[in-house]
Amino acid sequence: MKEKLPNSTLILIFGILSIIGCCCYGLFGIVFGILAIVLANKAKELYYANPDLYVGYENVKTGRILGIIGLVLSAISFISSVIMIITAGGIEGLMEMQREIYGSGF
C-alpha cells in the first residue's frame, strides 16, 4: 500500500496562499511562496528516492509551481510598494497624496 507524500496538501495550500498573499503588499505571498518551495523540494527528494512508496506527487508539483508564481508576483508587489512609498516621500507623503485624491474624509 502506498503512503501519502508528507505535506503534499500543505504545499498546495501554501502555493495558493502565496498567490493570494501578493495582494497584501507582497509580504504574506513571499512567506508562503518560500515555504511552499522549500517543502516541495524536500518532498520531491523523498519521492525521487523511492517513488513506488508514495502518492500525491501531483499536489507537490502544483504547489511548487504556484509557490514560484506567487513568490514572483509577491516580490513585484513588494518592490512596487516600496518604490511607491519612497517616491511619495515616506508614509506621511503617501497619506497626504491619498488625502488629496480622496478628500479629507480619508
PDB file of N, CA and C in Angstrom:
ATOM      1  N   MET A   1       0.844  -1.191   0.000  1.00  0.00           N
ATOM      2  CA  MET A   1       0.000   0.000   0.000  1.00  0.00           C
ATOM      3  C   MET A   1       0.887   1.251   0.000  1.00  0.00           C
ATOM      4  N   LYS A   2       0.508   2.204  -0.830  1.00  0.00           N
ATOM      5  CA  LYS A   2       1.297   3.429  -0.936  1.00  0.00           C
ATOM      6  C   LYS A   2       0.886   4.433   0.126  1.00  0.00           C
ATOM      7  N   GLU A   3       1.872   5.180   0.608  1.00  0.00           N
ATOM      8  CA  GLU A   3       1.624   6.239   1.588  1.00  0.00           C
ATOM      9  C   GLU A   3       1.429   7.564   0.873  1.00  0.00           C
ATOM     10  N   LYS A   4       0.705   8.452   1.541  1.00  0.00           N
ATOM     11  CA  LYS A   4       0.573   9.801   1.016  1.00  0.00           C
ATOM     12  C   LYS A   4       1.867  10.550   1.290  1.00  0.00           C
ATOM     13  N   LEU A   5       2.344  11.270   0.302  1.00  0.00           N
ATOM     14  CA  LEU A   5       3.582  12.027   0.442  1.00  0.00           C
ATOM     15  C   LEU A   5       3.409  13.081   1.531  1.00  0.00           C
ATOM     16  N   PRO A   6       4.327  13.145   2.507  1.00  0.00           N
ATOM     17  CA  PRO A   6       4.176  14.099   3.614  1.00  0.00           C
ATOM     18  C   PRO A   6       4.080  15.543   3.111  1.00  0.00           C
ATOM     19  N   ASN A   7       3.169  16.277   3.674  1.00  0.00           N
ATOM     20  CA  ASN A   7       2.958  17.703   3.411  1.00  0.00           C
ATOM     21  C   ASN A   7       2.489  18.021   1.997  1.00  0.00           C
ATOM     22  N   SER A   8       2.019  17.048   1.234  1.00  0.00           N
ATOM     23  CA  SER A   8       1.623  17.336  -0.140  1.00  0.00           C
ATOM     24  C   SER A   8       0.437  18.299  -0.202  1.00  0.00           C
ATOM     25  N   THR A   9      -0.531  18.118   0.659  1.00  0.00           N
ATOM     26  CA  THR A   9      -1.682  19.030   0.681  1.00  0.00           C
ATOM     27  C   THR A   9      -1.276  20.396   1.223  1.00  0.00           C
ATOM     28  N   LEU A  10      -0.426  20.417   2.225  1.00  0.00           N
ATOM     29  CA  LEU A  10       0.046  21.673   2.807  1.00  0.00           C
ATOM     30  C   LEU A  10       0.831  22.492   1.782  1.00  0.00           C
ATOM     31  N   ILE A  11       1.631  21.826   0.969  1.00  0.00           N
ATOM     32  CA  ILE A  11       2.389  22.511  -0.076  1.00  0.00           C
ATOM     33  C   ILE A  11       1.441  23.171  -1.064  1.00  0.00           C
ATOM     34  N   LEU A  12       0.403  22.461  -1.450  1.00  0.00           N
ATOM     35  CA  LEU A  12      -0.590  23.020  -2.372  1.00  0.00           C
ATOM     36  C   LEU A  12      -1.290  24.231  -1.758  1.00  0.00           C
ATOM     37  N   ILE A  13      -1.654  24.130  -0.493  1.00  0.00           N
ATOM     38  CA  ILE A  13      -2.322  25.247   0.192  1.00  0.00           C
ATOM     39  C   ILE A  13      -1.384  26.447   0.290  1.00  0.00           C
ATOM     40  N   PHE A  14      -0.121  26.216   0.646  1.00  0.00           N
ATOM     41  CA  PHE A  14       0.839  27.321   0.714  1.00  0.00           C
ATOM     42  C   PHE A  14       1.048  27.963  -0.656  1.00  0.00           C
ATOM     43  N   GLY A  15       1.049  27.167  -1.712  1.00  0.00           N
ATOM     44  CA  GLY A  15       1.173  27.711  -3.055  1.00  0.00           C
ATOM     45  C   GLY A  15       0.013  28.615  -3.412  1.00  0.00           C
ATOM     46  N   ILE A  16      -1.187  28.193  -3.065  1.00  0.00           N
ATOM     47  CA  ILE A  16      -2.388  29.010  -3.320  1.00  0.00           C
ATOM     48  C   ILE A  16      -2.336  30.289  -2.481  1.00  0.00           C
ATOM     49  N   LEU A  17      -1.969  30.160  -1.213  1.00  0.00           N
ATOM     50  CA  LEU A  17      -1.887  31.332  -0.336  1.00  0.00           C
ATOM     51  C   LEU A  17      -0.812  32.311  -0.780  1.00  0.00           C
ATOM     52  N   SER A  18       0.245  31.821  -1.434  1.00  0.00           N
ATOM     53  CA  SER A  18       1.280  32.732  -1.913  1.00  0.00           C
ATOM     54  C   SER A  18       0.755  33.628  -3.030  1.00  0.00           C
ATOM     55  N   ILE A  19      -0.117  33.085  -3.864  1.00  0.00           N
ATOM     56  CA  ILE A  19      -0.706  33.907  -4.922  1.00  0.00           C
ATOM     57  C   ILE A  19      -1.698  34.894  -4.330  1.00  0.00           C
ATOM     58  N   ILE A  20      -2.508  34.452  -3.389  1.00  0.00           N
ATOM     59  CA  ILE A  20      -3.461  35.356  -2.734  1.00  0.00           C
ATOM     60  C   ILE A  20      -2.712  36.415  -1.926  1.00  0.00           C
ATOM     61  N   GLY A  21      -1.604  36.014  -1.300  1.00  0.00           N
ATOM     62  CA  GLY A  21      -0.829  36.919  -0.446  1.00  0.00           C
ATOM     63  C   GLY A  21      -0.127  38.034  -1.181  1.00  0.00           C
ATOM     64  N   CYS A  22      -0.014  37.943  -2.497  1.00  0.00           N
ATOM     65  CA  CYS A  22       0.652  39.024  -3.231  1.00  0.00           C
ATOM     66  C   CYS A  22      -0.188  40.297  -3.187  1.00  0.00           C
ATOM     67  N   CYS A  23      -1.447  40.186  -2.832  1.00  0.00           N
ATOM     68  CA  CYS A  23      -2.317  41.363  -2.735  1.00  0.00           C
ATOM     69  C   CYS A  23      -2.092  42.139  -1.436  1.00  0.00           C
ATOM     70  N   CYS A  24      -1.397  41.562  -0.485  1.00  0.00           N
ATOM     71  CA  CYS A  24      -1.132  42.205   0.811  1.00  0.00           C
ATOM     72  C   CYS A  24       0.262  42.800   0.818  1.00  0.00           C
ATOM     73  N   TYR A  25       0.538  43.680  -0.121  1.00  0.00           N
ATOM     74  CA  TYR A  25       1.845  44.323  -0.285  1.00  0.00           C
ATOM     75  C   TYR A  25       2.957  43.309  -0.516  1.00  0.00           C
ATOM     76  N   GLY A  26       2.618  42.073  -0.817  1.00  0.00           N
ATOM     77  CA  GLY A  26       3.595  41.051  -1.139  1.00  0.00           C
ATOM     78  C   GLY A  26       4.209  40.310   0.028  1.00  0.00           C
ATOM     79  N   LEU A  27       4.025  40.793   1.243  1.00  0.00           N
ATOM     80  CA  LEU A  27       4.715  40.182   2.382  1.00  0.00           C
ATOM     81  C   LEU A  27       4.252  38.752   2.656  1.00  0.00           C
ATOM     82  N   PHE A  28       2.947  38.554   2.736  1.00  0.00           N
ATOM     83  CA  PHE A  28       2.443  37.208   3.021  1.00  0.00           C
ATOM     84  C   PHE A  28       2.728  36.259   1.866  1.00  0.00           C
ATOM     85  N   GLY A  29       2.650  36.768   0.661  1.00  0.00           N
ATOM     86  CA  GLY A  29       2.935  35.946  -0.507  1.00  0.00           C
ATOM     87  C   GLY A  29       4.369  35.464  -0.550  1.00  0.00           C
ATOM     88  N   ILE A  30       5.286  36.325  -0.144  1.00  0.00           N
ATOM     89  CA  ILE A  30       6.700  35.937  -0.107  1.00  0.00           C
ATOM     90  C   ILE A  30       6.919  34.821   0.909  1.00  0.00           C
ATOM     91  N   VAL A  31       6.331  34.967   2.079  1.00  0.00           N
ATOM     92  CA  VAL A  31       6.490  33.950   3.133  1.00  0.00           C
ATOM     93  C   VAL A  31       5.902  32.612   2.688  1.00  0.00           C
ATOM     94  N   PHE A  32       4.653  32.625   2.201  1.00  0.00           N
ATOM     95  CA  PHE A  32       4.015  31.373   1.799  1.00  0.00           C
ATOM     96  C   PHE A  32       4.670  30.774   0.562  1.00  0.00           C
ATOM     97  N   GLY A  33       5.164  31.608  -0.344  1.00  0.00           N
ATOM     98  CA  GLY A  33       5.854  31.111  -1.530  1.00  0.00           C
ATOM     99  C   GLY A  33       7.139  30.387  -1.168  1.00  0.00           C
ATOM    100  N   ILE A  34       7.914  30.981  -0.276  1.00  0.00           N
ATOM    101  CA  ILE A  34       9.161  30.344   0.158  1.00  0.00           C
ATOM    102  C   ILE A  34       8.874  29.031   0.881  1.00  0.00           C
ATOM    103  N   LEU A  35       7.863  29.040   1.758  1.00  0.00           N
ATOM    104  CA  LEU A  35       7.510  27.801   2.463  1.00  0.00           C
ATOM    105  C   LEU A  35       7.076  26.709   1.488  1.00  0.00           C
ATOM    106  N   ALA A  36       6.280  27.059   0.500  1.00  0.00           N
ATOM    107  CA  ALA A  36       5.816  26.070  -0.479  1.00  0.00           C
ATOM    108  C   ALA A  36       6.989  25.489  -1.260  1.00  0.00           C
ATOM    109  N   ILE A  37       7.913  26.333  -1.670  1.00  0.00           N
ATOM    110  CA  ILE A  37       9.050  25.864  -2.463  1.00  0.00           C
ATOM    111  C   ILE A  37       9.979  24.976  -1.638  1.00  0.00           C
ATOM    112  N   VAL A  38      10.270  25.392  -0.404  1.00  0.00           N
ATOM    113  CA  VAL A  38      11.171  24.597   0.450  1.00  0.00           C
ATOM    114  C   VAL A  38      10.558  23.240   0.774  1.00  0.00           C
ATOM    115  N   LEU A  39       9.288  23.241   1.173  1.00  0.00           N
ATOM    116  CA  LEU A  39       8.629  21.966   1.488  1.00  0.00           C
ATOM    117  C   LEU A  39       8.506  21.079   0.250  1.00  0.00           C
ATOM    118  N   ALA A  40       8.254  21.692  -0.901  1.00  0.00           N
ATOM    119  CA  ALA A  40       8.136  20.911  -2.133  1.00  0.00           C
ATOM    120  C   ALA A  40       9.472  20.275  -2.513  1.00  0.00           C
ATOM    121  N   ASN A  41      10.554  20.992  -2.323  1.00  0.00           N
ATOM    122  CA  ASN A  41      11.870  20.426  -2.639  1.00  0.00           C
ATOM    123  C   ASN A  41      12.189  19.236  -1.741  1.00  0.00           C
ATOM    124  N   LYS A  42      11.831  19.340  -0.458  1.00  0.00           N
ATOM    125  CA  LYS A  42      12.060  18.211   0.457  1.00  0.00           C
ATOM    126  C   LYS A  42      11.193  17.016   0.059  1.00  0.00           C
ATOM    127  N   ALA A  43       9.934  17.278  -0.275  1.00  0.00           N
ATOM    128  CA  ALA A  43       9.027  16.197  -0.668  1.00  0.00           C
ATOM    129  C   ALA A  43       9.465  15.575  -1.994  1.00  0.00           C
ATOM    130  N   LYS A  44       9.987  16.400  -2.902  1.00  0.00           N
ATOM    131  CA  LYS A  44      10.459  15.903  -4.188  1.00  0.00           C
ATOM    132  C   LYS A  44      11.647  14.957  -4.004  1.00  0.00           C
ATOM    133  N   GLU A  45      12.565  15.314  -3.128  1.00  0.00           N
ATOM    134  CA  GLU A  45      13.705  14.446  -2.838  1.00  0.00           C
ATOM    135  C   GLU A  45      13.247  13.113  -2.254  1.00  0.00           C
ATOM    136  N   LEU A  46      12.290  13.183  -1.342  1.00  0.00           N
ATOM    137  CA  LEU A  46      11.753  11.977  -0.726  1.00  0.00           C
ATOM    138  C   LEU A  46      11.066  11.103  -1.764  1.00  0.00           C
ATOM    139  N   TYR A  47      10.311  11.715  -2.650  1.00  0.00           N
ATOM    140  CA  TYR A  47       9.602  10.965  -3.685  1.00  0.00           C
ATOM    141  C   TYR A  47      10.575  10.317  -4.663  1.00  0.00           C
ATOM    142  N   TYR A  48      11.569  11.082  -5.118  1.00  0.00           N
ATOM    143  CA  TYR A  48      12.524  10.534  -6.087  1.00  0.00           C
ATOM    144  C   TYR A  48      13.392   9.437  -5.486  1.00  0.00           C
ATOM    145  N   ALA A  49      13.583   9.436  -4.182  1.00  0.00           N
ATOM    146  CA  ALA A  49      14.355   8.379  -3.537  1.00  0.00           C
ATOM    147  C   ALA A  49      13.639   7.030  -3.641  1.00  0.00           C
ATOM    148  N   ASN A  50      12.300   7.059  -3.574  1.00  0.00           N
ATOM    149  CA  ASN A  50      11.526   5.823  -3.672  1.00  0.00           C
ATOM    150  C   ASN A  50      10.109   6.138  -4.173  1.00  0.00           C
ATOM    151  N   PRO A  51       9.935   6.315  -5.471  1.00  0.00           N
ATOM    152  CA  PRO A  51       8.633   6.727  -5.997  1.00  0.00           C
ATOM    153  C   PRO A  51       7.532   5.670  -5.877  1.00  0.00           C
ATOM    154  N   ASP A  52       7.902   4.433  -5.681  1.00  0.00           N
ATOM    155  CA  ASP A  52       6.895   3.375  -5.567  1.00  0.00           C
ATOM    156  C   ASP A  52       6.152   3.409  -4.235  1.00  0.00           C
ATOM    157  N   LEU A  53       6.693   4.118  -3.245  1.00  0.00           N
ATOM    158  CA  LEU A  53       6.073   4.130  -1.919  1.00  0.00           C
ATOM    159  C   LEU A  53       5.029   5.231  -1.724  1.00  0.00           C
ATOM    160  N   TYR A  54       5.026   6.251  -2.587  1.00  0.00           N
ATOM    161  CA  TYR A  54       4.236   7.450  -2.288  1.00  0.00           C
ATOM    162  C   TYR A  54       3.241   7.794  -3.393  1.00  0.00           C
ATOM    163  N   VAL A  55       2.147   8.403  -2.956  1.00  0.00           N
ATOM    164  CA  VAL A  55       1.175   9.025  -3.863  1.00  0.00           C
ATOM    165  C   VAL A  55       1.049  10.498  -3.461  1.00  0.00           C
ATOM    166  N   GLY A  56       0.511  11.315  -4.347  1.00  0.00           N
ATOM    167  CA  GLY A  56       0.299  12.726  -4.028  1.00  0.00           C
ATOM    168  C   GLY A  56       1.361  13.644  -4.582  1.00  0.00           C
ATOM    169  N   TYR A  57       2.185  13.119  -5.499  1.00  0.00           N
ATOM    170  CA  TYR A  57       3.244  13.965  -6.058  1.00  0.00           C
ATOM    171  C   TYR A  57       2.668  15.076  -6.935  1.00  0.00           C
ATOM    172  N   GLU A  58       1.465  14.884  -7.465  1.00  0.00           N
ATOM    173  CA  GLU A  58       0.824  15.918  -8.290  1.00  0.00           C
ATOM    174  C   GLU A  58       0.574  17.184  -7.477  1.00  0.00           C
ATOM    175  N   ASN A  59       0.150  17.012  -6.227  1.00  0.00           N
ATOM    176  CA  ASN A  59      -0.059  18.170  -5.353  1.00  0.00           C
ATOM    177  C   ASN A  59       1.256  18.901  -5.087  1.00  0.00           C
ATOM    178  N   VAL A  60       2.326  18.150  -4.944  1.00  0.00           N
ATOM    179  CA  VAL A  60       3.632  18.753  -4.693  1.00  0.00           C
ATOM    180  C   VAL A  60       4.073  19.574  -5.901  1.00  0.00           C
ATOM    181  N   LYS A  61       3.929  18.996  -7.100  1.00  0.00           N
ATOM    182  CA  LYS A  61       4.319  19.723  -8.317  1.00  0.00           C
ATOM    183  C   LYS A  61       3.484  20.981  -8.499  1.00  0.00           C
ATOM    184  N   THR A  62       2.170  20.857  -8.311  1.00  0.00           N
ATOM    185  CA  THR A  62       1.285  22.007  -8.478  1.00  0.00           C
ATOM    186  C   THR A  62       1.567  23.074  -7.428  1.00  0.00           C
ATOM    187  N   GLY A  63       1.740  22.664  -6.181  1.00  0.00           N
ATOM    188  CA  GLY A  63       2.035  23.613  -5.106  1.00  0.00           C
ATOM    189  C   GLY A  63       3.349  24.326  -5.317  1.00  0.00           C
ATOM    190  N   ARG A  64       4.351  23.620  -5.834  1.00  0.00           N
ATOM    191  CA  ARG A  64       5.651  24.231  -6.107  1.00  0.00           C
ATOM    192  C   ARG A  64       5.527  25.280  -7.213  1.00  0.00           C
ATOM    193  N   ILE A  65       4.815  24.948  -8.272  1.00  0.00           N
ATOM    194  CA  ILE A  65       4.617  25.902  -9.373  1.00  0.00           C
ATOM    195  C   ILE A  65       3.858  27.127  -8.887  1.00  0.00           C
ATOM    196  N   LEU A  66       2.794  26.908  -8.123  1.00  0.00           N
ATOM    197  CA  LEU A  66       2.035  28.035  -7.573  1.00  0.00           C
ATOM    198  C   LEU A  66       2.889  28.862  -6.622  1.00  0.00           C
ATOM    199  N   GLY A  67       3.737  28.199  -5.842  1.00  0.00           N
ATOM    200  CA  GLY A  67       4.634  28.909  -4.938  1.00  0.00           C
ATOM    201  C   GLY A  67       5.611  29.798  -5.680  1.00  0.00           C
ATOM    202  N   ILE A  68       6.149  29.296  -6.790  1.00  0.00           N
ATOM    203  CA  ILE A  68       7.073  30.096  -7.596  1.00  0.00           C
ATOM    204  C   ILE A  68       6.351  31.291  -8.208  1.00  0.00           C
ATOM    205  N   ILE A  69       5.173  31.054  -8.765  1.00  0.00           N
ATOM    206  CA  ILE A  69       4.393  32.151  -9.350  1.00  0.00           C
ATOM    207  C   ILE A  69       4.027  33.171  -8.278  1.00  0.00           C
ATOM    208  N   GLY A  70       3.558  32.696  -7.125  1.00  0.00           N
ATOM    209  CA  GLY A  70       3.194  33.591  -6.030  1.00  0.00           C
ATOM    210  C   GLY A  70       4.383  34.372  -5.509  1.00  0.00           C
ATOM    211  N   LEU A  71       5.550  33.737  -5.451  1.00  0.00           N
ATOM    212  CA  LEU A  71       6.757  34.416  -4.985  1.00  0.00           C
ATOM    213  C   LEU A  71       7.156  35.537  -5.945  1.00  0.00           C
ATOM    214  N   VAL A  72       7.092  35.271  -7.228  1.00  0.00           N
ATOM    215  CA  VAL A  72       7.438  36.292  -8.222  1.00  0.00           C
ATOM    216  C   VAL A  72       6.445  37.453  -8.163  1.00  0.00           C
ATOM    217  N   LEU A  73       5.152  37.137  -8.144  1.00  0.00           N
ATOM    218  CA  LEU A  73       4.135  38.199  -8.075  1.00  0.00           C
ATOM    219  C   LEU A  73       4.258  39.004  -6.783  1.00  0.00           C
ATOM    220  N   SER A  74       4.533  38.321  -5.690  1.00  0.00           N
ATOM    221  CA  SER A  74       4.665  38.999  -4.406  1.00  0.00           C
ATOM    222  C   SER A  74       5.902  39.878  -4.361  1.00  0.00           C
ATOM    223  N   ALA A  75       6.990  39.416  -4.949  1.00  0.00           N
ATOM    224  CA  ALA A  75       8.203  40.224  -4.998  1.00  0.00           C
ATOM    225  C   ALA A  75       7.964  41.489  -5.815  1.00  0.00           C
ATOM    226  N   ILE A  76       7.270  41.355  -6.942  1.00  0.00           N
ATOM    227  CA  ILE A  76       6.936  42.530  -7.761  1.00  0.00           C
ATOM    228  C   ILE A  76       6.045  43.483  -6.979  1.00  0.00           C
ATOM    229  N   SER A  77       5.057  42.947  -6.281  1.00  0.00           N
ATOM    230  CA  SER A  77       4.145  43.772  -5.482  1.00  0.00           C
ATOM    231  C   SER A  77       4.888  44.475  -4.358  1.00  0.00           C
ATOM    232  N   PHE A  78       5.767  43.755  -3.682  1.00  0.00           N
ATOM    233  CA  PHE A  78       6.522  44.338  -2.577  1.00  0.00           C
ATOM    234  C   PHE A  78       7.453  45.446  -3.066  1.00  0.00           C
ATOM    235  N   ILE A  79       8.171  45.172  -4.151  1.00  0.00           N
ATOM    236  CA  ILE A  79       9.098  46.168  -4.696  1.00  0.00           C
ATOM    237  C   ILE A  79       8.352  47.410  -5.172  1.00  0.00           C
ATOM    238  N   SER A  80       7.215  47.217  -5.831  1.00  0.00           N
ATOM    239  CA  SER A  80       6.445  48.381  -6.290  1.00  0.00           C
ATOM    240  C   SER A  80       5.875  49.171  -5.111  1.00  0.00           C
ATOM    241  N   SER A  81       5.502  48.494  -4.037  1.00  0.00           N
ATOM    242  CA  SER A  81       5.012  49.194  -2.847  1.00  0.00           C
ATOM    243  C   SER A  81       6.116  50.020  -2.209  1.00  0.00           C
ATOM    244  N   VAL A  82       7.317  49.452  -2.129  1.00  0.00           N
ATOM    245  CA  VAL A  82       8.447  50.175  -1.553  1.00  0.00           C
ATOM    246  C   VAL A  82       8.787  51.388  -2.416  1.00  0.00           C
ATOM    247  N   ILE A  83       8.815  51.209  -3.731  1.00  0.00           N
ATOM    248  CA  ILE A  83       9.117  52.324  -4.633  1.00  0.00           C
ATOM    249  C   ILE A  83       8.061  53.414  -4.511  1.00  0.00           C
ATOM    250  N   MET A  84       6.798  53.022  -4.399  1.00  0.00           N
ATOM    251  CA  MET A  84       5.720  53.998  -4.269  1.00  0.00           C
ATOM    252  C   MET A  84       5.868  54.802  -2.972  1.00  0.00           C
ATOM    253  N   ILE A  85       6.225  54.137  -1.895  1.00  0.00           N
ATOM    254  CA  ILE A  85       6.397  54.838  -0.617  1.00  0.00           C
ATOM    255  C   ILE A  85       7.599  55.774  -0.684  1.00  0.00           C
ATOM    256  N   ILE A  86       8.694  55.317  -1.282  1.00  0.00           N
ATOM    257  CA  ILE A  86       9.887  56.160  -1.379  1.00  0.00           C
ATOM    258  C   ILE A  86       9.623  57.392  -2.232  1.00  0.00           C
ATOM    259  N   THR A  87       8.977  57.214  -3.377  1.00  0.00           N
ATOM    260  CA  THR A  87       8.736  58.349  -4.267  1.00  0.00           C
ATOM    261  C   THR A  87       7.705  59.318  -3.706  1.00  0.00           C
ATOM    262  N   ALA A  88       6.861  58.854  -2.816  1.00  0.00           N
ATOM    263  CA  ALA A  88       5.857  59.734  -2.219  1.00  0.00           C
ATOM    264  C   ALA A  88       6.418  60.504  -1.034  1.00  0.00           C
ATOM    265  N   GLY A  89       7.646  60.239  -0.652  1.00  0.00           N
ATOM    266  CA  GLY A  89       8.242  60.940   0.481  1.00  0.00           C
ATOM    267  C   GLY A  89       7.942  60.270   1.802  1.00  0.00           C
ATOM    268  N   GLY A  90       7.893  58.978   1.821  1.00  0.00           N
ATOM    269  CA  GLY A  90       7.640  58.236   3.055  1.00  0.00           C
ATOM    270  C   GLY A  90       6.153  57.982   3.258  1.00  0.00           C
ATOM    271  N   ILE A  91       5.832  57.421   4.382  1.00  0.00           N
ATOM    272  CA  ILE A  91       4.440  57.091   4.712  1.00  0.00           C
ATOM    273  C   ILE A  91       3.589  58.357   4.810  1.00  0.00           C
ATOM    274  N   GLU A  92       4.151  59.405   5.413  1.00  0.00           N
ATOM    275  CA  GLU A  92       3.390  60.652   5.569  1.00  0.00           C
ATOM    276  C   GLU A  92       3.060  61.247   4.207  1.00  0.00           C
ATOM    277  N   GLY A  93       4.023  61.221   3.288  1.00  0.00           N
ATOM    278  CA  GLY A  93       3.786  61.735   1.945  1.00  0.00           C
ATOM    279  C   GLY A  93       2.748  60.916   1.213  1.00  0.00           C
ATOM    280  N   LEU A  94       2.774  59.612   1.398  1.00  0.00           N
ATOM    281  CA  LEU A  94       1.786  58.743   0.771  1.00  0.00           C
ATOM    282  C   LEU A  94       0.393  59.025   1.319  1.00  0.00           C
ATOM    283  N   MET A  95       0.297  59.197   2.628  1.00  0.00           N
ATOM    284  CA  MET A  95      -1.008  59.517   3.235  1.00  0.00           C
ATOM    285  C   MET A  95      -1.517  60.875   2.737  1.00  0.00           C
ATOM    286  N   GLU A  96      -0.619  61.832   2.581  1.00  0.00           N
ATOM    287  CA  GLU A  96      -1.007  63.150   2.083  1.00  0.00           C
ATOM    288  C   GLU A  96      -1.521  63.059   0.653  1.00  0.00           C
ATOM    289  N   MET A  97      -0.864  62.234  -0.163  1.00  0.00           N
ATOM    290  CA  MET A  97      -1.330  62.044  -1.538  1.00  0.00           C
ATOM    291  C   MET A  97      -2.725  61.438  -1.556  1.00  0.00           C
ATOM    292  N   GLN A  98      -2.970  60.478  -0.678  1.00  0.00           N
ATOM    293  CA  GLN A  98      -4.286  59.845  -0.630  1.00  0.00           C
ATOM    294  C   GLN A  98      -5.340  60.827  -0.148  1.00  0.00           C
ATOM    295  N   ARG A  99      -4.984  61.714   0.777  1.00  0.00           N
ATOM    296  CA  ARG A  99      -5.940  62.729   1.228  1.00  0.00           C
ATOM    297  C   ARG A  99      -6.305  63.678   0.086  1.00  0.00           C
ATOM    298  N   GLU A 100      -5.319  64.018  -0.733  1.00  0.00           N
ATOM    299  CA  GLU A 100      -5.579  64.885  -1.877  1.00  0.00           C
ATOM    300  C   GLU A 100      -6.485  64.201  -2.898  1.00  0.00           C
ATOM    301  N   ILE A 101      -6.274  62.933  -3.080  1.00  0.00           N
ATOM    302  CA  ILE A 101      -7.073  62.198  -4.072  1.00  0.00           C
ATOM    303  C   ILE A 101      -8.481  61.939  -3.570  1.00  0.00           C
ATOM    304  N   TYR A 102      -8.609  61.460  -2.345  1.00  0.00           N
ATOM    305  CA  TYR A 102      -9.904  61.027  -1.815  1.00  0.00           C
ATOM    306  C   TYR A 102     -10.602  62.070  -0.957  1.00  0.00           C
ATOM    307  N   GLY A 103      -9.977  63.160  -0.691  1.00  0.00           N
ATOM    308  CA  GLY A 103     -10.584  64.199   0.139  1.00  0.00           C
ATOM    309  C   GLY A 103     -10.196  64.038   1.591  1.00  0.00           C
ATOM    310  N   SER A 104     -10.691  64.913   2.421  1.00  0.00           N
ATOM    311  CA  SER A 104     -10.300  64.927   3.832  1.00  0.00           C
ATOM    312  C   SER A 104     -10.971  63.814   4.634  1.00  0.00           C
ATOM    313  N   GLY A 105     -11.926  63.103   4.071  1.00  0.00           N
ATOM    314  CA  GLY A 105     -12.608  62.025   4.789  1.00  0.00           C
ATOM    315  C   GLY A 105     -11.742  60.789   4.939  1.00  0.00           C
ATOM    316  N   PHE A 106     -10.602  60.753   4.276  1.00  0.00           N
ATOM    317  CA  PHE A 106      -9.757  59.569   4.317  1.00  0.00           C
ATOM    318  C   PHE A 106      -8.860  59.580   5.498  1.00  0.00           C
TER     319      PHE A 106
END
